[in-house]
C-alpha atoms as a PDB file:
ATOM      1  CA  MET A   1      43.475   7.427 -24.951  1.00  0.00           C
ATOM      2  CA  VAL A   2      40.219   8.087 -23.095  1.00  0.00           C
ATOM      3  CA  VAL A   3      39.100   5.459 -20.624  1.00  0.00           C
ATOM      4  CA  ARG A   4      35.341   5.262 -20.355  1.00  0.00           C
ATOM      5  CA  ARG A   5      33.873   4.117 -17.122  1.00  0.00           C
ATOM      6  CA  PRO A   6      30.607   2.245 -17.090  1.00  0.00           C
ATOM      7  CA  LYS A   7      27.638   4.259 -15.898  1.00  0.00           C
ATOM      8  CA  VAL A   8      26.308   3.295 -12.529  1.00  0.00           C
ATOM      9  CA  ILE A   9      22.551   3.268 -12.399  1.00  0.00           C
ATOM     10  CA  VAL A  10      21.237   4.094  -8.968  1.00  0.00           C
ATOM     11  CA  ARG A  11      17.756   2.777  -8.391  1.00  0.00           C
ATOM     12  CA  LYS A  12      15.814   4.566  -5.703  1.00  0.00           C
ATOM     13  CA  PRO A  13      13.269   2.508  -3.799  1.00  0.00           C
ATOM     14  CA  ARG A  14       9.704   3.561  -4.401  1.00  0.00           C
ATOM     15  CA  VAL A  15       7.919   4.869  -1.360  1.00  0.00           C
ATOM     16  CA  ASP A  16       4.155   4.361  -1.323  1.00  0.00           C
ATOM     17  CA  LEU A  17       2.974   6.821   1.317  1.00  0.00           C
ATOM     18  CA  VAL A  18      -0.673   5.887   0.745  1.00  0.00           C
ATOM     19  CA  ALA A  19       0.051   2.226   1.515  1.00  0.00           C
ATOM     20  CA  ILE A  20       2.099   3.178   4.588  1.00  0.00           C
ATOM     21  CA  GLY A  21      -0.746   5.391   5.775  1.00  0.00           C
ATOM     22  CA  SER A  22      -3.237   2.606   5.216  1.00  0.00           C
ATOM     23  CA  ARG A  23      -1.184   0.238   7.375  1.00  0.00           C
ATOM     24  CA  ILE A  24      -0.878   2.869  10.120  1.00  0.00           C
ATOM     25  CA  ARG A  25      -4.652   3.376   9.978  1.00  0.00           C
ATOM     26  CA  ALA A  26      -5.192  -0.386  10.235  1.00  0.00           C
ATOM     27  CA  LEU A  27      -2.902  -0.567  13.274  1.00  0.00           C
ATOM     28  CA  ARG A  28      -4.839   2.235  14.969  1.00  0.00           C
ATOM     29  CA  GLY A  29      -8.049   0.225  14.746  1.00  0.00           C
ATOM     30  CA  GLU A  30     -10.869   1.734  16.787  1.00  0.00           C
ATOM     31  CA  ALA A  31      -8.615   4.087  18.743  1.00  0.00           C
ATOM     32  CA  LEU A  32      -9.028   7.791  18.109  1.00  0.00           C
ATOM     33  CA  GLN A  33      -6.364   9.659  16.183  1.00  0.00           C
ATOM     34  CA  GLU A  34      -5.951  11.923  19.202  1.00  0.00           C
ATOM     35  CA  GLU A  35      -5.100   8.939  21.410  1.00  0.00           C
ATOM     36  CA  LEU A  36      -2.500   7.472  19.078  1.00  0.00           C
ATOM     37  CA  ALA A  37      -1.056  10.906  18.292  1.00  0.00           C
ATOM     38  CA  ALA A  38      -0.559  11.541  22.018  1.00  0.00           C
ATOM     39  CA  TYR A  39       1.281   8.217  22.354  1.00  0.00           C
ATOM     40  CA  LEU A  40       3.454   9.108  19.354  1.00  0.00           C
ATOM     41  CA  ASN A  41       4.142  12.621  20.690  1.00  0.00           C
ATOM     42  CA  ILE A  42       2.786  14.233  17.519  1.00  0.00           C
ATOM     43  CA  ARG A  43      -0.255  16.335  16.686  1.00  0.00           C
ATOM     44  CA  GLN A  44      -3.476  14.713  15.540  1.00  0.00           C
ATOM     45  CA  GLY A  45      -3.216  16.620  12.249  1.00  0.00           C
ATOM     46  CA  ASN A  46       0.205  15.113  11.580  1.00  0.00           C
ATOM     47  CA  LEU A  47      -1.155  11.615  12.153  1.00  0.00           C
ATOM     48  CA  SER A  48      -4.041  12.389   9.810  1.00  0.00           C
ATOM     49  CA  LYS A  49      -1.597  13.445   7.081  1.00  0.00           C
ATOM     50  CA  MET A  50       0.368  10.217   7.535  1.00  0.00           C
ATOM     51  CA  GLU A  51      -2.762   8.076   7.338  1.00  0.00           C
ATOM     52  CA  ARG A  52      -3.855   9.865   4.139  1.00  0.00           C
ATOM     53  CA  GLY A  53      -0.427   9.415   2.550  1.00  0.00           C
ATOM     54  CA  LYS A  54       0.350  13.132   2.555  1.00  0.00           C
ATOM     55  CA  SER A  55       3.438  12.864   4.750  1.00  0.00           C
ATOM     56  CA  ALA A  56       5.927  10.215   5.799  1.00  0.00           C
ATOM     57  CA  PRO A  57       6.312   9.063   9.397  1.00  0.00           C
ATOM     58  CA  SER A  58       9.571   9.950  11.109  1.00  0.00           C
ATOM     59  CA  LEU A  59      11.946   7.283  12.342  1.00  0.00           C
ATOM     60  CA  GLU A  60      10.809   7.961  15.902  1.00  0.00           C
ATOM     61  CA  VAL A  61       7.160   7.453  14.927  1.00  0.00           C
ATOM     62  CA  LEU A  62       7.989   4.243  13.071  1.00  0.00           C
ATOM     63  CA  LEU A  63       9.812   2.852  16.097  1.00  0.00           C
ATOM     64  CA  LEU A  64       6.986   3.786  18.466  1.00  0.00           C
ATOM     65  CA  LEU A  65       4.386   2.201  16.158  1.00  0.00           C
ATOM     66  CA  SER A  66       6.510  -0.928  15.912  1.00  0.00           C
ATOM     67  CA  GLU A  67       6.818  -1.208  19.691  1.00  0.00           C
ATOM     68  CA  ARG A  68       3.184  -0.409  20.411  1.00  0.00           C
ATOM     69  CA  PHE A  69       1.636  -2.785  17.872  1.00  0.00           C
ATOM     70  CA  HIS A  70       4.361  -5.474  17.753  1.00  0.00           C
ATOM     71  CA  ARG A  71       4.795  -5.091  13.991  1.00  0.00           C
ATOM     72  CA  SER A  72       8.126  -4.684  12.259  1.00  0.00           C
ATOM     73  CA  VAL A  73       9.137  -1.356  10.763  1.00  0.00           C
ATOM     74  CA  ASP A  74       9.564  -3.278   7.507  1.00  0.00           C
ATOM     75  CA  TRP A  75       5.895  -4.291   7.636  1.00  0.00           C
ATOM     76  CA  ILE A  76       4.797  -0.716   8.279  1.00  0.00           C
ATOM     77  CA  LEU A  77       6.904   0.587   5.385  1.00  0.00           C
ATOM     78  CA  ARG A  78       6.595  -2.226   2.859  1.00  0.00           C
ATOM     79  CA  GLY A  79       3.902  -4.602   4.044  1.00  0.00           C
ATOM     80  CA  GLU A  80       6.470  -7.373   4.410  1.00  0.00           C
ATOM     81  CA  GLY A  81       7.581  -9.237   7.495  1.00  0.00           C
ATOM     82  CA  ASN A  82       5.518  -9.546  10.660  1.00  0.00           C
END
C-alpha cells in the first residue's frame, strides 16, 4: 500500500523592488544621493540602483534607513506600519 502525502504549497512573498526604491527615494527627500550613500556606507551608484528598483537593499542598509528616518523596516519593504 502506497501512502500519499499531501503536497505542501510554499508561497513566496512578492518583492516589489520598484516600490521599495520609491519609498527610499521619498525618505531621502531633498538630500543628495551622495550624502545618503555616505551615511549608508555604500556607493552613490548602489543607492541609485536601489531607488530605481534594480537592486534590493541589504539588511544593514535597511536598518540604517530605519534608524535615520524613524520608519520601520516593514514600512520600507512593504509600505505598512510606521
